[in-house]
C-alpha cells in the first residue's frame, strides 16, 4: 500500500470510530519516542513516518504493529 493511501486509511479509521486522536511518530528511527508514547498513553502511535527507509526498517523491527510511511524530505 502506498504512503498516501496508508495515511488516509489511518485517518479514516480514527475519524470513523471517533476514538482518540491520531498519534504519529515523526522522524521515527529506533523507536524510543514510540515506546515513550506507549508508556505515557497506554497505546503506541497510529503511524510512524521518516524519510529514510533504513530508519523505518529499524523502527518496524522494534514496533512491527505500527504502520510505516516513507515521506520525502523537502529542502
N, C-alpha and C. Protein backbone atom coordinates (compact mmCIF):
# COMPACT_ATOMS: atom_id res chain seq x y z
N UNK A 1 0.86 -1.17 0.00
CA UNK A 1 0.00 0.00 0.00
C UNK A 1 0.90 1.23 0.00
N UNK A 2 0.59 2.20 -0.88
CA UNK A 2 1.44 3.38 -0.92
C UNK A 2 1.18 4.28 0.29
N UNK A 3 2.12 5.19 0.56
CA UNK A 3 2.08 6.01 1.76
C UNK A 3 0.83 6.86 1.89
N UNK A 4 0.39 7.47 0.79
CA UNK A 4 -0.78 8.34 0.86
C UNK A 4 -2.03 7.54 1.23
N UNK A 5 -2.16 6.35 0.65
CA UNK A 5 -3.34 5.52 0.97
C UNK A 5 -3.28 5.01 2.39
N UNK A 6 -2.07 4.68 2.87
CA UNK A 6 -1.91 4.21 4.24
C UNK A 6 -2.29 5.30 5.23
N UNK A 7 -1.82 6.53 5.00
CA UNK A 7 -2.16 7.64 5.89
C UNK A 7 -3.65 7.92 5.84
N UNK A 8 -4.24 7.90 4.64
CA UNK A 8 -5.68 8.13 4.52
C UNK A 8 -6.46 7.07 5.28
N UNK A 9 -6.04 5.82 5.20
CA UNK A 9 -6.70 4.74 5.92
C UNK A 9 -6.61 4.95 7.44
N UNK A 10 -5.43 5.34 7.91
CA UNK A 10 -5.26 5.58 9.35
C UNK A 10 -6.16 6.71 9.82
N UNK A 11 -6.24 7.78 9.04
CA UNK A 11 -7.08 8.92 9.43
C UNK A 11 -8.55 8.54 9.39
N UNK A 12 -8.98 7.88 8.32
CA UNK A 12 -10.40 7.49 8.23
C UNK A 12 -10.79 6.53 9.33
N UNK A 13 -9.90 5.62 9.69
CA UNK A 13 -10.19 4.66 10.76
C UNK A 13 -10.43 5.40 12.07
N UNK A 14 -9.58 6.36 12.39
CA UNK A 14 -9.73 7.13 13.62
C UNK A 14 -10.99 7.99 13.58
N UNK A 15 -11.25 8.67 12.45
CA UNK A 15 -12.41 9.54 12.36
C UNK A 15 -13.71 8.73 12.41
N UNK A 16 -13.71 7.57 11.76
CA UNK A 16 -14.92 6.74 11.73
C UNK A 16 -15.28 6.25 13.12
N UNK A 17 -14.28 5.94 13.91
CA UNK A 17 -14.57 5.40 15.24
C UNK A 17 -14.78 6.51 16.27
N UNK A 18 -14.43 7.74 15.89
CA UNK A 18 -14.49 8.87 16.83
C UNK A 18 -13.74 8.56 18.11
N UNK A 19 -12.69 7.77 17.96
CA UNK A 19 -11.86 7.39 19.09
C UNK A 19 -10.83 8.46 19.40
N UNK A 20 -9.78 8.06 20.05
CA UNK A 20 -8.74 9.01 20.43
C UNK A 20 -8.07 9.63 19.20
N UNK A 21 -7.40 10.75 19.37
CA UNK A 21 -6.75 11.41 18.23
C UNK A 21 -5.67 10.53 17.61
N UNK A 22 -5.39 10.78 16.34
CA UNK A 22 -4.34 10.08 15.63
C UNK A 22 -2.99 10.49 16.20
N UNK A 23 -2.14 9.52 16.52
CA UNK A 23 -0.81 9.79 17.03
C UNK A 23 0.20 9.36 15.97
N UNK A 24 1.06 10.29 15.56
CA UNK A 24 2.10 10.00 14.58
C UNK A 24 3.47 10.17 15.21
N UNK A 25 4.35 9.23 14.95
CA UNK A 25 5.75 9.34 15.37
C UNK A 25 6.52 9.84 14.15
N UNK A 26 6.78 11.14 14.11
CA UNK A 26 7.54 11.73 13.01
C UNK A 26 9.02 11.50 13.25
N UNK A 27 9.79 11.39 12.21
CA UNK A 27 11.22 11.11 12.29
C UNK A 27 11.48 9.82 13.07
N UNK A 28 10.63 8.83 12.84
CA UNK A 28 10.74 7.55 13.53
C UNK A 28 12.07 6.88 13.18
N UNK A 29 12.74 6.37 14.18
CA UNK A 29 14.02 5.69 13.98
C UNK A 29 14.07 4.44 14.81
N UNK A 30 14.81 4.46 15.89
CA UNK A 30 14.95 3.30 16.76
C UNK A 30 13.67 2.94 17.49
N UNK A 31 12.81 3.90 17.70
CA UNK A 31 11.53 3.62 18.35
C UNK A 31 11.41 4.12 19.77
N UNK A 32 12.40 4.89 20.24
CA UNK A 32 12.33 5.40 21.61
C UNK A 32 11.13 6.29 21.87
N UNK A 33 10.81 7.17 20.92
CA UNK A 33 9.65 8.04 21.10
C UNK A 33 8.36 7.22 21.11
N UNK A 34 8.28 6.22 20.25
CA UNK A 34 7.09 5.36 20.21
C UNK A 34 6.92 4.60 21.52
N UNK A 35 8.02 4.14 22.08
CA UNK A 35 7.97 3.45 23.37
C UNK A 35 7.50 4.41 24.45
N UNK A 36 8.01 5.63 24.44
CA UNK A 36 7.58 6.64 25.42
C UNK A 36 6.10 6.98 25.27
N UNK A 37 5.64 7.10 24.03
CA UNK A 37 4.22 7.37 23.78
C UNK A 37 3.38 6.25 24.36
N UNK A 38 3.79 5.02 24.11
CA UNK A 38 3.05 3.87 24.61
C UNK A 38 3.04 3.83 26.14
N UNK A 39 4.18 4.13 26.75
CA UNK A 39 4.25 4.13 28.21
C UNK A 39 3.38 5.24 28.81
N UNK A 40 3.37 6.38 28.16
CA UNK A 40 2.61 7.52 28.69
C UNK A 40 1.11 7.42 28.44
N UNK A 41 0.74 6.92 27.27
CA UNK A 41 -0.68 6.93 26.88
C UNK A 41 -1.35 5.57 26.89
N UNK A 42 -0.56 4.52 27.04
CA UNK A 42 -1.14 3.19 27.05
C UNK A 42 -1.41 2.64 25.67
N UNK A 43 -0.96 3.32 24.63
CA UNK A 43 -1.07 2.83 23.26
C UNK A 43 0.04 3.46 22.43
N UNK A 44 0.50 2.71 21.46
CA UNK A 44 1.56 3.22 20.60
C UNK A 44 1.00 4.15 19.54
N UNK A 45 1.89 4.72 18.73
CA UNK A 45 1.44 5.61 17.67
C UNK A 45 0.65 4.86 16.60
N UNK A 46 -0.21 5.59 15.93
CA UNK A 46 -1.02 5.01 14.86
C UNK A 46 -0.22 4.87 13.56
N UNK A 47 0.82 5.69 13.43
CA UNK A 47 1.64 5.65 12.22
C UNK A 47 3.03 6.19 12.55
N UNK A 48 4.04 5.65 11.88
CA UNK A 48 5.42 6.11 12.04
C UNK A 48 5.90 6.63 10.68
N UNK A 49 6.55 7.79 10.69
CA UNK A 49 6.95 8.46 9.45
C UNK A 49 8.44 8.80 9.50
N UNK A 50 9.14 8.58 8.39
CA UNK A 50 10.53 9.02 8.26
C UNK A 50 10.86 9.07 6.78
N UNK A 51 11.86 9.87 6.42
CA UNK A 51 12.29 9.96 5.02
C UNK A 51 13.38 8.95 4.68
N UNK A 52 13.87 8.25 5.68
CA UNK A 52 14.95 7.28 5.47
C UNK A 52 14.44 5.86 5.63
N UNK A 53 14.44 5.07 4.56
CA UNK A 53 13.95 3.70 4.66
C UNK A 53 14.67 2.86 5.72
N UNK A 54 15.98 3.06 5.90
CA UNK A 54 16.71 2.29 6.91
C UNK A 54 16.21 2.61 8.32
N UNK A 55 15.90 3.87 8.57
CA UNK A 55 15.37 4.24 9.89
C UNK A 55 14.01 3.60 10.11
N UNK A 56 13.17 3.59 9.09
CA UNK A 56 11.86 2.95 9.23
C UNK A 56 11.98 1.44 9.40
N UNK A 57 12.96 0.84 8.74
CA UNK A 57 13.17 -0.61 8.90
C UNK A 57 13.54 -0.93 10.35
N UNK A 58 14.37 -0.11 10.95
CA UNK A 58 14.73 -0.31 12.35
C UNK A 58 13.51 -0.12 13.24
N UNK A 59 12.72 0.92 12.97
CA UNK A 59 11.50 1.16 13.76
C UNK A 59 10.54 -0.02 13.61
N UNK A 60 10.41 -0.51 12.39
CA UNK A 60 9.49 -1.64 12.13
C UNK A 60 9.94 -2.90 12.88
N UNK A 61 11.25 -3.08 13.01
CA UNK A 61 11.75 -4.24 13.76
C UNK A 61 11.38 -4.13 15.24
N UNK A 62 11.39 -2.92 15.76
CA UNK A 62 11.07 -2.70 17.18
C UNK A 62 9.58 -2.50 17.44
N UNK A 63 8.84 -2.06 16.44
CA UNK A 63 7.40 -1.80 16.58
C UNK A 63 6.66 -2.33 15.36
N UNK A 64 6.61 -3.66 15.19
CA UNK A 64 6.01 -4.24 13.99
C UNK A 64 4.51 -3.99 13.84
N UNK A 65 3.84 -3.65 14.92
CA UNK A 65 2.40 -3.43 14.86
C UNK A 65 2.03 -2.04 14.32
N UNK A 66 3.01 -1.16 14.18
CA UNK A 66 2.76 0.21 13.72
C UNK A 66 2.90 0.29 12.20
N UNK A 67 1.91 0.89 11.50
CA UNK A 67 2.08 1.13 10.06
C UNK A 67 3.20 2.15 9.84
N UNK A 68 3.98 1.96 8.78
CA UNK A 68 5.13 2.81 8.50
C UNK A 68 4.98 3.51 7.16
N UNK A 69 5.36 4.78 7.12
CA UNK A 69 5.22 5.60 5.92
C UNK A 69 6.54 6.30 5.64
N UNK A 70 7.04 6.16 4.40
CA UNK A 70 8.22 6.90 3.98
C UNK A 70 7.75 8.21 3.37
N UNK A 71 8.28 9.31 3.86
CA UNK A 71 7.91 10.63 3.36
C UNK A 71 9.15 11.30 2.79
N UNK A 72 8.97 12.08 1.73
CA UNK A 72 10.08 12.80 1.15
C UNK A 72 10.51 13.96 2.04
N UNK A 73 11.79 14.16 2.12
CA UNK A 73 12.34 15.29 2.87
C UNK A 73 12.43 16.47 1.91
N UNK A 74 11.81 17.56 2.24
CA UNK A 74 11.83 18.76 1.39
C UNK A 74 12.98 19.65 1.81
N UNK A 75 13.62 20.26 0.83
CA UNK A 75 14.65 21.25 1.11
C UNK A 75 15.97 20.73 1.09
